[in-house]
N, C-alpha and C. Protein backbone atom coordinates (compact mmCIF):
# COMPACT_ATOMS: atom_id res chain seq x y z
N MET A 1 244.70 317.99 30.46
CA MET A 1 244.89 316.80 31.25
C MET A 1 246.06 317.04 32.21
N PHE A 2 245.88 316.63 33.47
CA PHE A 2 246.91 316.78 34.49
C PHE A 2 247.57 315.45 34.77
N VAL A 3 248.85 315.47 34.98
CA VAL A 3 249.59 314.28 35.36
C VAL A 3 250.08 314.49 36.79
N LEU A 4 249.70 313.60 37.66
CA LEU A 4 250.11 313.70 39.06
C LEU A 4 251.33 312.83 39.32
N GLU A 5 252.15 313.27 40.25
CA GLU A 5 253.28 312.45 40.64
C GLU A 5 252.77 311.24 41.41
N PRO A 6 253.39 310.09 41.17
CA PRO A 6 252.97 308.91 41.95
C PRO A 6 253.20 309.16 43.44
N PRO A 7 252.24 308.80 44.31
CA PRO A 7 252.37 309.10 45.75
C PRO A 7 253.54 308.37 46.41
N TRP A 8 254.00 307.27 45.84
CA TRP A 8 255.10 306.51 46.45
C TRP A 8 256.47 307.11 46.15
N GLU A 9 256.53 308.18 45.35
CA GLU A 9 257.81 308.80 45.03
C GLU A 9 257.98 310.15 45.73
N LYS A 10 257.04 310.56 46.54
CA LYS A 10 257.12 311.84 47.22
C LYS A 10 258.02 311.75 48.45
N GLU A 11 258.55 312.90 48.85
CA GLU A 11 259.36 312.98 50.06
C GLU A 11 258.43 312.92 51.28
N GLY A 12 258.98 312.47 52.40
CA GLY A 12 258.22 312.44 53.63
C GLY A 12 257.74 311.04 53.98
N PRO A 13 256.89 310.95 54.98
CA PRO A 13 256.43 309.63 55.42
C PRO A 13 255.57 308.95 54.35
N GLU A 14 255.66 307.64 54.34
CA GLU A 14 254.89 306.86 53.37
C GLU A 14 253.41 306.92 53.73
N THR A 15 252.59 307.36 52.79
CA THR A 15 251.16 307.46 53.03
C THR A 15 250.36 306.64 52.04
N PHE A 16 251.00 306.10 51.05
CA PHE A 16 250.29 305.33 50.03
C PHE A 16 250.21 303.86 50.44
N THR A 17 249.03 303.29 50.36
CA THR A 17 248.86 301.88 50.68
C THR A 17 247.72 301.31 49.85
N LEU A 18 247.85 300.07 49.51
CA LEU A 18 246.77 299.38 48.80
C LEU A 18 245.91 298.57 49.76
N ALA A 19 246.19 298.67 51.04
CA ALA A 19 245.44 297.91 52.04
C ALA A 19 244.02 298.44 52.16
N VAL A 20 243.11 297.55 52.49
CA VAL A 20 241.72 297.92 52.72
C VAL A 20 241.64 298.64 54.07
N PRO A 21 241.09 299.85 54.13
CA PRO A 21 241.07 300.60 55.39
C PRO A 21 240.42 299.83 56.54
N GLU A 22 239.38 299.06 56.28
CA GLU A 22 238.70 298.32 57.32
C GLU A 22 239.56 297.21 57.91
N ALA A 23 240.63 296.84 57.22
CA ALA A 23 241.49 295.77 57.69
C ALA A 23 242.52 296.24 58.72
N HIS A 24 242.69 297.55 58.85
CA HIS A 24 243.64 298.07 59.82
C HIS A 24 243.07 297.90 61.23
N SER A 25 243.87 297.41 62.15
CA SER A 25 243.42 297.20 63.52
C SER A 25 243.47 298.52 64.29
N THR A 26 242.43 298.76 65.06
CA THR A 26 242.41 299.93 65.93
C THR A 26 242.58 299.50 67.38
N PHE A 27 242.86 298.23 67.61
CA PHE A 27 242.98 297.73 68.97
C PHE A 27 244.34 298.09 69.55
N LYS A 28 244.33 298.51 70.79
CA LYS A 28 245.53 299.04 71.42
C LYS A 28 246.27 298.03 72.27
N ARG A 29 245.59 297.04 72.79
CA ARG A 29 246.23 296.04 73.63
C ARG A 29 245.48 294.73 73.48
N GLY A 30 246.16 293.64 73.80
CA GLY A 30 245.47 292.39 73.65
C GLY A 30 246.33 291.21 74.05
N ASP A 31 245.78 290.05 73.81
CA ASP A 31 246.43 288.79 74.15
C ASP A 31 246.33 287.85 72.98
N VAL A 32 247.24 286.90 72.94
CA VAL A 32 247.27 285.88 71.90
C VAL A 32 247.43 284.53 72.56
N GLY A 33 246.71 283.56 72.04
CA GLY A 33 246.84 282.18 72.52
C GLY A 33 245.69 281.75 73.41
N TRP A 34 245.43 280.45 73.37
CA TRP A 34 244.30 279.91 74.12
C TRP A 34 244.46 280.11 75.62
N ALA A 35 245.66 279.97 76.15
CA ALA A 35 245.88 280.11 77.59
C ALA A 35 245.54 281.51 78.10
N LYS A 36 245.57 282.50 77.22
CA LYS A 36 245.27 283.88 77.60
C LYS A 36 243.86 284.31 77.18
N ARG A 37 243.01 283.34 76.88
CA ARG A 37 241.63 283.62 76.49
C ARG A 37 240.90 284.40 77.59
N PRO A 38 240.08 285.38 77.24
CA PRO A 38 239.36 286.14 78.27
C PRO A 38 238.32 285.26 78.97
N PRO A 39 237.88 285.66 80.17
CA PRO A 39 236.87 284.89 80.89
C PRO A 39 235.61 284.72 80.06
N ALA A 40 235.05 283.51 80.11
CA ALA A 40 233.85 283.19 79.33
C ALA A 40 232.69 282.84 80.27
N VAL A 41 231.52 283.33 79.93
CA VAL A 41 230.31 282.90 80.62
C VAL A 41 229.70 281.82 79.74
N VAL A 42 229.54 280.63 80.31
CA VAL A 42 229.05 279.48 79.56
C VAL A 42 227.77 278.94 80.19
N GLU A 43 227.06 278.14 79.41
CA GLU A 43 225.83 277.51 79.90
C GLU A 43 226.10 276.04 80.18
N CYS A 44 225.69 275.59 81.35
CA CYS A 44 225.88 274.20 81.73
C CYS A 44 225.00 273.31 80.85
N PRO A 45 225.58 272.28 80.21
CA PRO A 45 224.78 271.39 79.36
C PRO A 45 223.84 270.48 80.16
N THR A 46 224.04 270.37 81.47
CA THR A 46 223.21 269.51 82.30
C THR A 46 222.03 270.25 82.90
N CYS A 47 222.29 271.40 83.57
CA CYS A 47 221.21 272.10 84.28
C CYS A 47 220.84 273.44 83.65
N SER A 48 221.52 273.85 82.60
CA SER A 48 221.26 275.11 81.87
C SER A 48 221.55 276.38 82.66
N SER A 49 222.22 276.28 83.81
CA SER A 49 222.59 277.50 84.52
C SER A 49 223.84 278.09 83.86
N SER A 50 224.05 279.37 84.06
CA SER A 50 225.23 280.02 83.47
C SER A 50 226.25 280.26 84.58
N PHE A 51 227.51 280.16 84.21
CA PHE A 51 228.59 280.40 85.16
C PHE A 51 229.82 280.86 84.40
N THR A 52 230.77 281.46 85.11
CA THR A 52 231.99 281.98 84.49
C THR A 52 233.08 280.93 84.49
N HIS A 53 233.64 280.71 83.33
CA HIS A 53 234.83 279.87 83.18
C HIS A 53 235.98 280.84 83.03
N GLU A 54 236.64 281.11 84.13
CA GLU A 54 237.64 282.17 84.21
C GLU A 54 238.89 281.91 83.37
N PHE A 55 239.52 280.77 83.57
CA PHE A 55 240.80 280.48 82.93
C PHE A 55 240.65 279.34 81.93
N ALA A 56 241.20 279.52 80.75
CA ALA A 56 241.01 278.58 79.64
C ALA A 56 241.49 277.17 79.95
N ASN A 57 242.53 277.02 80.75
CA ASN A 57 243.08 275.68 81.00
C ASN A 57 242.55 275.03 82.27
N ASP A 58 241.54 275.63 82.90
CA ASP A 58 240.90 275.03 84.08
C ASP A 58 239.77 274.11 83.64
N PHE A 59 239.44 273.13 84.51
CA PHE A 59 238.28 272.29 84.25
C PHE A 59 237.03 273.15 84.19
N ILE A 60 236.09 272.75 83.37
CA ILE A 60 234.80 273.43 83.26
C ILE A 60 233.89 272.76 84.28
N ASP A 61 233.59 273.46 85.37
CA ASP A 61 232.77 272.83 86.41
C ASP A 61 231.65 273.76 86.85
N CYS A 62 230.44 273.23 86.78
CA CYS A 62 229.23 273.98 87.12
C CYS A 62 229.07 274.01 88.63
N PRO A 63 228.96 275.21 89.23
CA PRO A 63 228.77 275.30 90.67
C PRO A 63 227.36 274.91 91.13
N THR A 64 226.41 274.82 90.21
CA THR A 64 225.04 274.50 90.56
C THR A 64 224.79 273.00 90.66
N CYS A 65 225.19 272.26 89.61
CA CYS A 65 224.86 270.82 89.59
C CYS A 65 226.08 269.91 89.69
N GLY A 66 227.28 270.48 89.61
CA GLY A 66 228.48 269.66 89.71
C GLY A 66 228.97 269.08 88.40
N PHE A 67 228.36 269.46 87.27
CA PHE A 67 228.86 269.02 85.96
C PHE A 67 230.33 269.39 85.85
N GLU A 68 231.13 268.47 85.30
CA GLU A 68 232.55 268.74 85.12
C GLU A 68 233.01 268.21 83.77
N SER A 69 233.88 268.98 83.13
CA SER A 69 234.42 268.61 81.83
C SER A 69 235.85 269.11 81.73
N PRO A 70 236.72 268.36 81.04
CA PRO A 70 238.09 268.84 80.88
C PRO A 70 238.14 270.08 79.99
N PRO A 71 239.19 270.90 80.13
CA PRO A 71 239.26 272.15 79.37
C PRO A 71 239.30 271.95 77.85
N ASP A 72 239.77 270.80 77.38
CA ASP A 72 239.82 270.58 75.93
C ASP A 72 238.45 270.32 75.32
N LYS A 73 237.41 270.24 76.14
CA LYS A 73 236.03 270.07 75.66
C LYS A 73 235.26 271.38 75.68
N PHE A 74 235.96 272.51 75.73
CA PHE A 74 235.32 273.82 75.79
C PHE A 74 234.38 274.04 74.61
N GLY A 75 234.71 273.50 73.46
CA GLY A 75 233.87 273.66 72.28
C GLY A 75 232.53 272.96 72.39
N LYS A 76 232.36 272.11 73.39
CA LYS A 76 231.11 271.36 73.58
C LYS A 76 230.10 272.09 74.46
N VAL A 77 230.53 273.18 75.12
CA VAL A 77 229.59 273.95 75.94
C VAL A 77 229.21 275.22 75.18
N ASP A 78 228.03 275.73 75.47
CA ASP A 78 227.57 276.96 74.80
C ASP A 78 228.15 278.18 75.49
N VAL A 79 228.82 279.02 74.70
CA VAL A 79 229.37 280.28 75.21
C VAL A 79 228.28 281.34 75.12
N LEU A 80 227.99 281.98 76.24
CA LEU A 80 226.98 283.04 76.27
C LEU A 80 227.62 284.41 76.04
N MET A 81 228.85 284.57 76.53
CA MET A 81 229.58 285.83 76.33
C MET A 81 231.01 285.68 76.81
N PHE A 82 231.85 286.62 76.38
CA PHE A 82 233.20 286.78 76.92
C PHE A 82 233.22 288.13 77.62
N ALA A 83 233.94 288.20 78.75
CA ALA A 83 234.07 289.45 79.49
C ALA A 83 235.45 290.04 79.27
N CYS A 84 235.51 291.33 79.05
CA CYS A 84 236.79 292.01 78.84
C CYS A 84 237.59 291.96 80.15
N PRO A 85 238.83 291.47 80.09
CA PRO A 85 239.63 291.41 81.31
C PRO A 85 240.10 292.78 81.81
N HIS A 86 239.94 293.83 80.99
CA HIS A 86 240.37 295.16 81.39
C HIS A 86 239.22 296.02 81.91
N CYS A 87 238.08 296.01 81.22
CA CYS A 87 236.97 296.88 81.64
C CYS A 87 235.69 296.10 81.99
N GLN A 88 235.72 294.78 81.90
CA GLN A 88 234.63 293.88 82.26
C GLN A 88 233.38 294.01 81.40
N ARG A 89 233.46 294.69 80.28
CA ARG A 89 232.31 294.78 79.38
C ARG A 89 232.21 293.51 78.54
N GLN A 90 231.07 293.31 77.93
CA GLN A 90 230.86 292.16 77.05
C GLN A 90 231.64 292.35 75.76
N LEU A 91 232.34 291.31 75.34
CA LEU A 91 233.16 291.36 74.12
C LEU A 91 232.38 290.87 72.92
N ASP A 92 232.69 291.43 71.76
CA ASP A 92 232.25 290.84 70.50
C ASP A 92 233.19 289.67 70.25
N TYR A 93 232.67 288.57 69.71
CA TYR A 93 233.54 287.42 69.45
C TYR A 93 233.00 286.61 68.28
N GLY A 94 233.84 285.73 67.76
CA GLY A 94 233.38 284.92 66.64
C GLY A 94 234.37 283.84 66.24
N VAL A 95 233.95 283.09 65.23
CA VAL A 95 234.75 282.00 64.67
C VAL A 95 235.05 282.38 63.22
N ARG A 96 236.31 282.36 62.86
CA ARG A 96 236.70 282.68 61.49
C ARG A 96 236.67 281.45 60.58
N HIS A 97 236.89 280.29 61.15
CA HIS A 97 236.99 279.06 60.38
C HIS A 97 236.03 278.01 60.93
N PRO A 98 234.71 278.17 60.70
CA PRO A 98 233.73 277.25 61.29
C PRO A 98 233.89 275.80 60.84
N GLU A 99 234.48 275.60 59.67
CA GLU A 99 234.68 274.23 59.19
C GLU A 99 235.83 273.55 59.92
N MET A 100 236.67 274.35 60.62
CA MET A 100 237.83 273.79 61.32
C MET A 100 237.73 273.91 62.84
N MET A 101 237.03 274.91 63.34
CA MET A 101 236.98 275.21 64.77
C MET A 101 235.55 275.14 65.29
N ASP A 102 235.41 274.67 66.52
CA ASP A 102 234.09 274.67 67.15
C ASP A 102 234.08 275.54 68.40
N PHE A 103 234.99 276.51 68.45
CA PHE A 103 235.05 277.45 69.56
C PHE A 103 235.51 278.81 69.02
N PRO A 104 235.25 279.89 69.76
CA PRO A 104 235.62 281.23 69.29
C PRO A 104 237.12 281.38 69.06
N GLU A 105 237.47 282.12 68.01
CA GLU A 105 238.87 282.34 67.65
C GLU A 105 239.32 283.78 67.92
N TRP A 106 238.41 284.67 68.23
CA TRP A 106 238.76 286.05 68.52
C TRP A 106 237.70 286.68 69.40
N ALA A 107 238.09 287.71 70.13
CA ALA A 107 237.16 288.49 70.95
C ALA A 107 237.71 289.91 71.05
N SER A 108 236.82 290.90 70.93
CA SER A 108 237.24 292.30 70.93
C SER A 108 236.31 293.16 71.76
N CYS A 109 236.89 294.14 72.42
CA CYS A 109 236.12 295.10 73.21
C CYS A 109 236.06 296.42 72.45
N THR A 110 234.86 296.88 72.17
CA THR A 110 234.71 298.14 71.45
C THR A 110 234.85 299.33 72.38
N ASP A 111 234.91 299.09 73.69
CA ASP A 111 235.03 300.19 74.63
C ASP A 111 236.50 300.54 74.91
N CYS A 112 237.29 299.56 75.38
CA CYS A 112 238.68 299.86 75.73
C CYS A 112 239.67 299.40 74.66
N GLN A 113 239.17 298.82 73.57
CA GLN A 113 239.99 298.39 72.44
C GLN A 113 240.86 297.17 72.72
N TYR A 114 240.49 296.36 73.72
CA TYR A 114 241.19 295.10 73.99
C TYR A 114 240.84 294.12 72.88
N HIS A 115 241.79 293.26 72.50
CA HIS A 115 241.54 292.23 71.49
C HIS A 115 242.28 290.96 71.86
N TRP A 116 241.60 289.83 71.77
CA TRP A 116 242.21 288.53 71.99
C TRP A 116 242.12 287.75 70.69
N GLU A 117 243.16 287.01 70.37
CA GLU A 117 243.21 286.22 69.14
C GLU A 117 243.73 284.83 69.48
N TYR A 118 242.98 283.79 69.06
CA TYR A 118 243.46 282.44 69.20
C TYR A 118 244.48 282.21 68.09
N GLN A 119 245.69 281.84 68.48
CA GLN A 119 246.73 281.64 67.48
C GLN A 119 246.73 280.18 67.07
N HIS A 120 246.57 279.93 65.78
CA HIS A 120 246.56 278.54 65.30
C HIS A 120 247.63 278.32 64.26
N ASP A 121 247.93 277.06 64.05
CA ASP A 121 248.98 276.65 63.12
C ASP A 121 248.32 275.84 62.03
N TYR A 122 248.42 276.31 60.79
CA TYR A 122 247.80 275.61 59.66
C TYR A 122 248.79 274.73 58.92
N ASP A 123 249.95 274.46 59.52
CA ASP A 123 250.98 273.65 58.85
C ASP A 123 250.71 272.15 58.94
N ASP A 124 249.69 271.73 59.64
CA ASP A 124 249.42 270.30 59.81
C ASP A 124 249.03 269.64 58.50
């Protein structure tokens, strides 16, 4: 029977971790907060045309039919995609807390490694 030295007692850089490898982020750059949300392509609830909602705090206004909604109603329109602000590719996105949120909470680019995260406060 062999007894190995514990990896946390060896000299040199720390290499031992109990973290799940899939939980480590490989994203190199990104943004945090709703105001820095990447551009979204949304569907107009009135005429069903798609258009880009560039900035999160701007009014949601359809150039085809004139539909207009305040930015705090973003969760009421259908998001078709998010565009990467660095390479313009389509982002993967999702909601982590569907029982609490009705809009995307994160978006990631698998090409340039951009990542956006909606920062929320659960202290309420």
